[in-house]
């Protein structure tokens, strides 16, 4: 299973993912690139800037919908 599929499976199961989670769980070091690839293949993903409890900024990606060509 490639990194793109791992990220998509996580989004489908959990609903959202951050770069830290992707790196820790799946060794995905470039989450924005994987998200871009998924969007290009028809997956609708929303990115939202957030702040953690100490004020650090990060982006959390949430699944909106999966295109028919990706789901098959």
Protein backbone atom coordinates (compact mmCIF):
# COMPACT_ATOMS: atom_id res chain seq x y z
CA UNK A 1 0.00 0.00 0.00
CA UNK A 2 1.45 3.39 -0.98
CA UNK A 3 1.44 6.54 1.15
CA UNK A 4 -1.41 8.09 -0.80
CA UNK A 5 -3.65 5.08 -0.09
CA UNK A 6 -2.64 5.06 3.60
CA UNK A 7 -3.66 8.72 3.93
CA UNK A 8 -6.95 8.12 2.10
CA UNK A 9 -7.74 5.10 4.30
CA UNK A 10 -7.05 7.20 7.41
CA UNK A 11 -9.28 10.01 6.15
CA UNK A 12 -12.08 7.55 5.43
CA UNK A 13 -11.76 5.88 8.84
CA UNK A 14 -11.10 8.91 11.06
CA UNK A 15 -12.22 11.89 8.99
CA UNK A 16 -9.13 14.09 9.36
CA UNK A 17 -5.34 14.03 9.64
CA UNK A 18 -2.49 16.38 10.50
CA UNK A 19 1.11 16.31 9.32
CA UNK A 20 2.32 15.09 12.71
CA UNK A 21 -0.16 12.20 12.70
CA UNK A 22 0.78 11.27 9.12
CA UNK A 23 4.49 11.25 9.97
CA UNK A 24 4.02 9.32 13.22
CA UNK A 25 1.52 6.72 12.00
CA UNK A 26 2.51 6.20 8.36
CA UNK A 27 5.96 7.77 7.93
CA UNK A 28 4.47 10.29 5.48
CA UNK A 29 6.88 13.23 5.58
CA UNK A 30 5.23 15.37 2.88
CA UNK A 31 1.51 15.29 3.69
CA UNK A 32 0.65 18.35 1.55
CA UNK A 33 2.02 16.49 -1.51
CA UNK A 34 -0.06 13.39 -0.74
CA UNK A 35 -3.14 15.61 -0.25
CA UNK A 36 -2.45 17.31 -3.59
CA UNK A 37 -2.22 13.93 -5.32
CA UNK A 38 -5.50 12.82 -3.75
CA UNK A 39 -7.23 16.04 -4.79
CA UNK A 40 -5.92 15.58 -8.34
CA UNK A 41 -7.46 12.10 -8.43
CA UNK A 42 -10.90 13.41 -7.43
CA UNK A 43 -10.94 13.35 -3.64
CA UNK A 44 -12.45 16.47 -2.04
CA UNK A 45 -10.36 17.47 0.97
CA UNK A 46 -10.57 20.62 3.08
CA UNK A 47 -7.52 22.10 4.80
CA UNK A 48 -7.95 24.13 7.98
CA UNK A 49 -5.24 26.07 9.84
CA UNK A 50 -5.28 25.44 13.59
CA UNK A 51 -3.24 26.25 16.67
CA UNK A 52 -2.12 23.72 19.24
CA UNK A 53 -2.20 24.25 23.01
CA UNK A 54 1.15 26.10 23.01
CA UNK A 55 0.31 28.33 20.04
CA UNK A 56 2.02 26.34 17.28
CA UNK A 57 0.25 26.47 13.93
CA UNK A 58 -0.55 23.41 11.85
CA UNK A 59 -2.97 22.34 9.13
CA UNK A 60 -5.58 19.63 9.60
CA UNK A 61 -7.01 18.02 6.48
CA UNK A 62 -10.59 16.70 6.47
CA UNK A 63 -12.30 14.42 3.97
CA UNK A 64 -15.30 15.93 2.21
CA UNK A 65 -15.98 13.26 -0.43
CA UNK A 66 -14.29 10.60 -2.56
CA UNK A 67 -14.73 10.68 -6.34
CA UNK A 68 -16.11 7.64 -8.16
CA UNK A 69 -12.82 6.85 -9.92
CA UNK A 70 -10.97 6.74 -6.58
CA UNK A 71 -13.58 4.71 -4.71
CA UNK A 72 -13.60 1.89 -7.30
